[in-house]
Amino acid sequence: MTALDPVIHAQARLRVTASLATLPDGDRMTFPRLQELLEMTAGNLSTHLRKLEDADYVAITKTHQRRTPVTYVELTRTGRRAFEDYTASLRALLSPQVDEEVGS
């Protein structure tokens, strides 16, 4: 049986990862937009992003637009691969097992 990645498997982190995986490779989303999309508090989202960042699954970039601070979140190449592996493992767990001999 294939193990599911415990970093991604937590519901909130799965939602974060799945949302970021919909973006094209190298694209990013602002923290407030991600927070709004997922309907999470800033503190809760920050906590889960930290765990994903510690695993090198997301990259956080803090910058400024004029004088306003902006935080961007993006899925790293490692994170994208981990999400693809996670979804493949999940599909394998949910797929019916087929016997090698049909009709036995």
N, C-alpha and C. Protein backbone atom coordinates (compact mmCIF):
# COMPACT_ATOMS: atom_id res chain seq x y z
N MET A 1 0.84 -1.17 0.00
CA MET A 1 0.00 0.00 0.00
C MET A 1 0.89 1.25 0.00
N THR A 2 0.52 2.25 -0.79
CA THR A 2 1.29 3.46 -0.91
C THR A 2 0.96 4.42 0.23
N ALA A 3 1.99 5.00 0.84
CA ALA A 3 1.78 5.94 1.94
C ALA A 3 1.49 7.33 1.38
N LEU A 4 0.61 8.06 2.04
CA LEU A 4 0.30 9.43 1.66
C LEU A 4 1.23 10.37 2.42
N ASP A 5 1.72 11.38 1.75
CA ASP A 5 2.63 12.36 2.32
C ASP A 5 1.94 13.06 3.50
N PRO A 6 2.45 12.90 4.73
CA PRO A 6 1.80 13.49 5.89
C PRO A 6 1.84 15.03 5.89
N VAL A 7 2.80 15.61 5.20
CA VAL A 7 2.86 17.07 5.14
C VAL A 7 1.68 17.60 4.34
N ILE A 8 1.35 16.97 3.25
CA ILE A 8 0.25 17.41 2.41
C ILE A 8 -1.09 16.89 2.92
N HIS A 9 -1.10 15.73 3.57
CA HIS A 9 -2.35 15.05 3.90
C HIS A 9 -3.27 15.82 4.85
N ALA A 10 -2.74 16.67 5.70
CA ALA A 10 -3.61 17.46 6.57
C ALA A 10 -4.55 18.30 5.70
N GLN A 11 -5.82 18.32 6.05
CA GLN A 11 -6.83 18.94 5.20
C GLN A 11 -6.47 20.36 4.76
N ALA A 12 -6.07 21.20 5.67
CA ALA A 12 -5.76 22.59 5.32
C ALA A 12 -4.58 22.66 4.36
N ARG A 13 -3.54 21.86 4.61
CA ARG A 13 -2.37 21.89 3.72
C ARG A 13 -2.68 21.28 2.36
N LEU A 14 -3.56 20.31 2.33
CA LEU A 14 -3.99 19.75 1.05
C LEU A 14 -4.74 20.81 0.25
N ARG A 15 -5.58 21.59 0.89
CA ARG A 15 -6.31 22.65 0.21
C ARG A 15 -5.36 23.72 -0.30
N VAL A 16 -4.37 24.09 0.49
CA VAL A 16 -3.37 25.07 0.07
C VAL A 16 -2.61 24.55 -1.14
N THR A 17 -2.11 23.34 -1.03
CA THR A 17 -1.30 22.75 -2.10
C THR A 17 -2.11 22.59 -3.38
N ALA A 18 -3.34 22.11 -3.25
CA ALA A 18 -4.20 21.92 -4.42
C ALA A 18 -4.50 23.26 -5.09
N SER A 19 -4.73 24.29 -4.31
CA SER A 19 -5.00 25.62 -4.87
C SER A 19 -3.79 26.16 -5.62
N LEU A 20 -2.63 26.04 -5.03
CA LEU A 20 -1.42 26.53 -5.69
C LEU A 20 -1.04 25.70 -6.90
N ALA A 21 -1.41 24.41 -6.89
CA ALA A 21 -1.09 23.53 -8.02
C ALA A 21 -1.90 23.89 -9.27
N THR A 22 -2.99 24.62 -9.10
CA THR A 22 -3.79 25.03 -10.26
C THR A 22 -3.11 26.15 -11.04
N LEU A 23 -2.16 26.83 -10.40
CA LEU A 23 -1.43 27.91 -11.07
C LEU A 23 -0.38 27.32 -12.01
N PRO A 24 -0.09 28.00 -13.09
CA PRO A 24 1.00 27.54 -13.96
C PRO A 24 2.32 27.50 -13.19
N ASP A 25 3.20 26.61 -13.60
CA ASP A 25 4.52 26.48 -12.96
C ASP A 25 5.21 27.84 -12.93
N GLY A 26 5.67 28.24 -11.76
CA GLY A 26 6.38 29.51 -11.61
C GLY A 26 5.47 30.69 -11.29
N ASP A 27 4.15 30.49 -11.35
CA ASP A 27 3.22 31.57 -11.02
C ASP A 27 3.01 31.59 -9.51
N ARG A 28 2.49 32.69 -9.00
CA ARG A 28 2.31 32.82 -7.56
C ARG A 28 1.02 33.56 -7.26
N MET A 29 0.62 33.53 -5.98
CA MET A 29 -0.61 34.15 -5.54
C MET A 29 -0.31 34.98 -4.29
N THR A 30 -1.03 36.07 -4.13
CA THR A 30 -0.82 36.86 -2.92
C THR A 30 -1.43 36.14 -1.72
N PHE A 31 -0.84 36.37 -0.57
CA PHE A 31 -1.33 35.77 0.66
C PHE A 31 -2.81 36.10 0.89
N PRO A 32 -3.22 37.39 0.77
CA PRO A 32 -4.64 37.69 1.01
C PRO A 32 -5.59 36.98 0.03
N ARG A 33 -5.16 36.82 -1.22
CA ARG A 33 -6.01 36.13 -2.20
C ARG A 33 -6.15 34.66 -1.82
N LEU A 34 -5.04 34.02 -1.42
CA LEU A 34 -5.08 32.62 -0.99
C LEU A 34 -5.95 32.48 0.26
N GLN A 35 -5.80 33.39 1.18
CA GLN A 35 -6.59 33.38 2.41
C GLN A 35 -8.09 33.50 2.08
N GLU A 36 -8.43 34.39 1.18
CA GLU A 36 -9.82 34.58 0.77
C GLU A 36 -10.35 33.33 0.06
N LEU A 37 -9.57 32.80 -0.84
CA LEU A 37 -9.96 31.62 -1.61
C LEU A 37 -10.25 30.42 -0.70
N LEU A 38 -9.41 30.24 0.31
CA LEU A 38 -9.54 29.09 1.20
C LEU A 38 -10.42 29.36 2.42
N GLU A 39 -10.81 30.63 2.60
CA GLU A 39 -11.63 31.04 3.75
C GLU A 39 -10.97 30.61 5.06
N MET A 40 -9.70 30.97 5.20
CA MET A 40 -8.93 30.66 6.39
C MET A 40 -8.51 31.95 7.08
N THR A 41 -8.30 31.88 8.38
CA THR A 41 -7.77 33.04 9.08
C THR A 41 -6.31 33.21 8.70
N ALA A 42 -5.79 34.41 8.86
CA ALA A 42 -4.39 34.67 8.54
C ALA A 42 -3.46 33.81 9.39
N GLY A 43 -3.78 33.67 10.67
CA GLY A 43 -2.94 32.87 11.56
C GLY A 43 -2.93 31.40 11.18
N ASN A 44 -4.10 30.86 10.87
CA ASN A 44 -4.20 29.45 10.49
C ASN A 44 -3.45 29.20 9.18
N LEU A 45 -3.66 30.06 8.20
CA LEU A 45 -2.97 29.91 6.92
C LEU A 45 -1.45 30.02 7.12
N SER A 46 -1.02 30.97 7.91
CA SER A 46 0.42 31.14 8.17
C SER A 46 1.04 29.89 8.79
N THR A 47 0.33 29.29 9.73
CA THR A 47 0.82 28.07 10.39
C THR A 47 1.02 26.95 9.38
N HIS A 48 0.04 26.75 8.50
CA HIS A 48 0.14 25.67 7.52
C HIS A 48 1.17 26.00 6.44
N LEU A 49 1.28 27.26 6.07
CA LEU A 49 2.30 27.65 5.09
C LEU A 49 3.70 27.41 5.64
N ARG A 50 3.88 27.64 6.92
CA ARG A 50 5.19 27.41 7.54
C ARG A 50 5.59 25.95 7.43
N LYS A 51 4.66 25.03 7.69
CA LYS A 51 4.96 23.60 7.59
C LYS A 51 5.28 23.23 6.14
N LEU A 52 4.54 23.80 5.19
CA LEU A 52 4.82 23.54 3.78
C LEU A 52 6.16 24.15 3.36
N GLU A 53 6.46 25.31 3.89
CA GLU A 53 7.74 25.97 3.59
C GLU A 53 8.91 25.18 4.18
N ASP A 54 8.74 24.67 5.40
CA ASP A 54 9.79 23.86 6.03
C ASP A 54 10.10 22.60 5.21
N ALA A 55 9.09 22.08 4.51
CA ALA A 55 9.28 20.89 3.67
C ALA A 55 9.74 21.28 2.27
N ASP A 56 9.94 22.57 2.01
CA ASP A 56 10.33 23.09 0.70
C ASP A 56 9.25 22.85 -0.36
N TYR A 57 7.99 22.84 0.07
CA TYR A 57 6.88 22.67 -0.86
C TYR A 57 6.34 24.01 -1.35
N VAL A 58 6.50 25.06 -0.56
CA VAL A 58 6.09 26.40 -1.00
C VAL A 58 7.22 27.37 -0.76
N ALA A 59 7.20 28.46 -1.54
CA ALA A 59 8.15 29.55 -1.35
C ALA A 59 7.34 30.80 -1.03
N ILE A 60 7.78 31.52 -0.03
CA ILE A 60 7.14 32.76 0.39
C ILE A 60 8.08 33.90 0.00
N THR A 61 7.54 34.88 -0.72
CA THR A 61 8.32 36.04 -1.12
C THR A 61 7.63 37.29 -0.58
N LYS A 62 8.40 38.06 0.20
CA LYS A 62 7.87 39.32 0.73
C LYS A 62 8.51 40.47 -0.02
N THR A 63 7.67 41.36 -0.52
CA THR A 63 8.15 42.48 -1.30
C THR A 63 7.25 43.69 -1.03
N HIS A 64 7.46 44.73 -1.79
CA HIS A 64 6.62 45.92 -1.68
C HIS A 64 6.13 46.34 -3.05
N GLN A 65 4.89 46.81 -3.08
CA GLN A 65 4.37 47.49 -4.27
C GLN A 65 4.16 48.92 -3.82
N ARG A 66 5.04 49.77 -4.33
CA ARG A 66 5.14 51.15 -3.83
C ARG A 66 5.50 51.08 -2.36
N ARG A 67 4.64 51.52 -1.47
CA ARG A 67 4.96 51.47 -0.05
C ARG A 67 4.19 50.40 0.70
N THR A 68 3.45 49.60 -0.02
CA THR A 68 2.62 48.58 0.60
C THR A 68 3.32 47.22 0.56
N PRO A 69 3.47 46.56 1.72
CA PRO A 69 4.08 45.23 1.73
C PRO A 69 3.14 44.20 1.08
N VAL A 70 3.72 43.30 0.31
CA VAL A 70 2.96 42.24 -0.36
C VAL A 70 3.69 40.92 -0.13
N THR A 71 2.92 39.90 0.21
CA THR A 71 3.47 38.55 0.40
C THR A 71 2.91 37.65 -0.68
N TYR A 72 3.82 36.98 -1.41
CA TYR A 72 3.44 36.05 -2.46
C TYR A 72 3.74 34.63 -2.00
N VAL A 73 2.89 33.70 -2.44
CA VAL A 73 3.06 32.29 -2.13
C VAL A 73 3.07 31.53 -3.45
N GLU A 74 4.03 30.62 -3.59
CA GLU A 74 4.05 29.79 -4.80
C GLU A 74 4.48 28.38 -4.45
N LEU A 75 4.03 27.45 -5.24
CA LEU A 75 4.41 26.06 -5.09
C LEU A 75 5.79 25.88 -5.73
N THR A 76 6.70 25.28 -5.00
CA THR A 76 8.04 25.03 -5.54
C THR A 76 7.98 23.81 -6.47
N ARG A 77 9.05 23.59 -7.17
CA ARG A 77 9.14 22.39 -8.02
C ARG A 77 9.01 21.13 -7.16
N THR A 78 9.65 21.15 -5.99
CA THR A 78 9.55 20.03 -5.05
C THR A 78 8.11 19.85 -4.59
N GLY A 79 7.44 20.95 -4.30
CA GLY A 79 6.05 20.90 -3.86
C GLY A 79 5.12 20.39 -4.94
N ARG A 80 5.35 20.83 -6.17
CA ARG A 80 4.52 20.37 -7.29
C ARG A 80 4.70 18.86 -7.47
N ARG A 81 5.95 18.40 -7.39
CA ARG A 81 6.22 16.96 -7.54
C ARG A 81 5.59 16.18 -6.39
N ALA A 82 5.68 16.71 -5.17
CA ALA A 82 5.08 16.04 -4.00
C ALA A 82 3.57 15.97 -4.15
N PHE A 83 2.95 17.02 -4.68
CA PHE A 83 1.50 17.01 -4.88
C PHE A 83 1.12 16.00 -5.97
N GLU A 84 1.89 15.93 -7.03
CA GLU A 84 1.63 14.94 -8.10
C GLU A 84 1.77 13.52 -7.55
N ASP A 85 2.80 13.29 -6.74
CA ASP A 85 2.99 11.97 -6.13
C ASP A 85 1.84 11.65 -5.17
N TYR A 86 1.41 12.65 -4.41
CA TYR A 86 0.31 12.48 -3.46
C TYR A 86 -0.96 12.09 -4.20
N THR A 87 -1.29 12.80 -5.27
CA THR A 87 -2.52 12.50 -6.01
C THR A 87 -2.42 11.13 -6.68
N ALA A 88 -1.25 10.77 -7.17
CA ALA A 88 -1.07 9.44 -7.76
C ALA A 88 -1.26 8.35 -6.70
N SER A 89 -0.73 8.57 -5.51
CA SER A 89 -0.88 7.61 -4.41
C SER A 89 -2.34 7.49 -4.01
N LEU A 90 -3.03 8.60 -3.96
CA LEU A 90 -4.44 8.61 -3.60
C LEU A 90 -5.26 7.85 -4.64
N ARG A 91 -4.97 8.10 -5.91
CA ARG A 91 -5.67 7.36 -6.98
C ARG A 91 -5.43 5.86 -6.86
N ALA A 92 -4.19 5.49 -6.56
CA ALA A 92 -3.86 4.07 -6.42
C ALA A 92 -4.62 3.44 -5.26
N LEU A 93 -4.76 4.18 -4.16
CA LEU A 93 -5.50 3.66 -3.01
C LEU A 93 -6.98 3.52 -3.31
N LEU A 94 -7.52 4.39 -4.14
CA LEU A 94 -8.95 4.39 -4.44
C LEU A 94 -9.32 3.49 -5.61
N SER A 95 -8.35 3.09 -6.40
CA SER A 95 -8.62 2.24 -7.56
C SER A 95 -8.90 0.81 -7.10
N PRO A 96 -9.89 0.17 -7.73
CA PRO A 96 -10.13 -1.23 -7.37
C PRO A 96 -8.95 -2.09 -7.80
N GLN A 97 -8.62 -3.02 -6.97
CA GLN A 97 -7.53 -3.94 -7.29
C GLN A 97 -8.04 -4.97 -8.29
N VAL A 98 -7.30 -5.16 -9.35
CA VAL A 98 -7.68 -6.08 -10.40
C VAL A 98 -6.83 -7.33 -10.29
N ASP A 99 -7.49 -8.49 -10.23
CA ASP A 99 -6.74 -9.76 -10.19
C ASP A 99 -6.09 -9.98 -11.53
N GLU A 100 -4.94 -10.62 -11.52
CA GLU A 100 -4.24 -10.90 -12.77
C GLU A 100 -5.03 -11.89 -13.62
N GLU A 101 -5.73 -12.82 -12.96
CA GLU A 101 -6.53 -13.79 -13.69
C GLU A 101 -7.98 -13.33 -13.65
N VAL A 102 -8.52 -12.96 -14.78
CA VAL A 102 -9.91 -12.51 -14.85
C VAL A 102 -10.82 -13.72 -14.77
N GLY A 103 -11.85 -13.61 -13.95
CA GLY A 103 -12.85 -14.67 -13.84
C GLY A 103 -12.49 -15.80 -12.90
N SER A 104 -11.45 -15.67 -12.12
CA SER A 104 -11.11 -16.77 -11.21
C SER A 104 -11.69 -16.55 -9.84
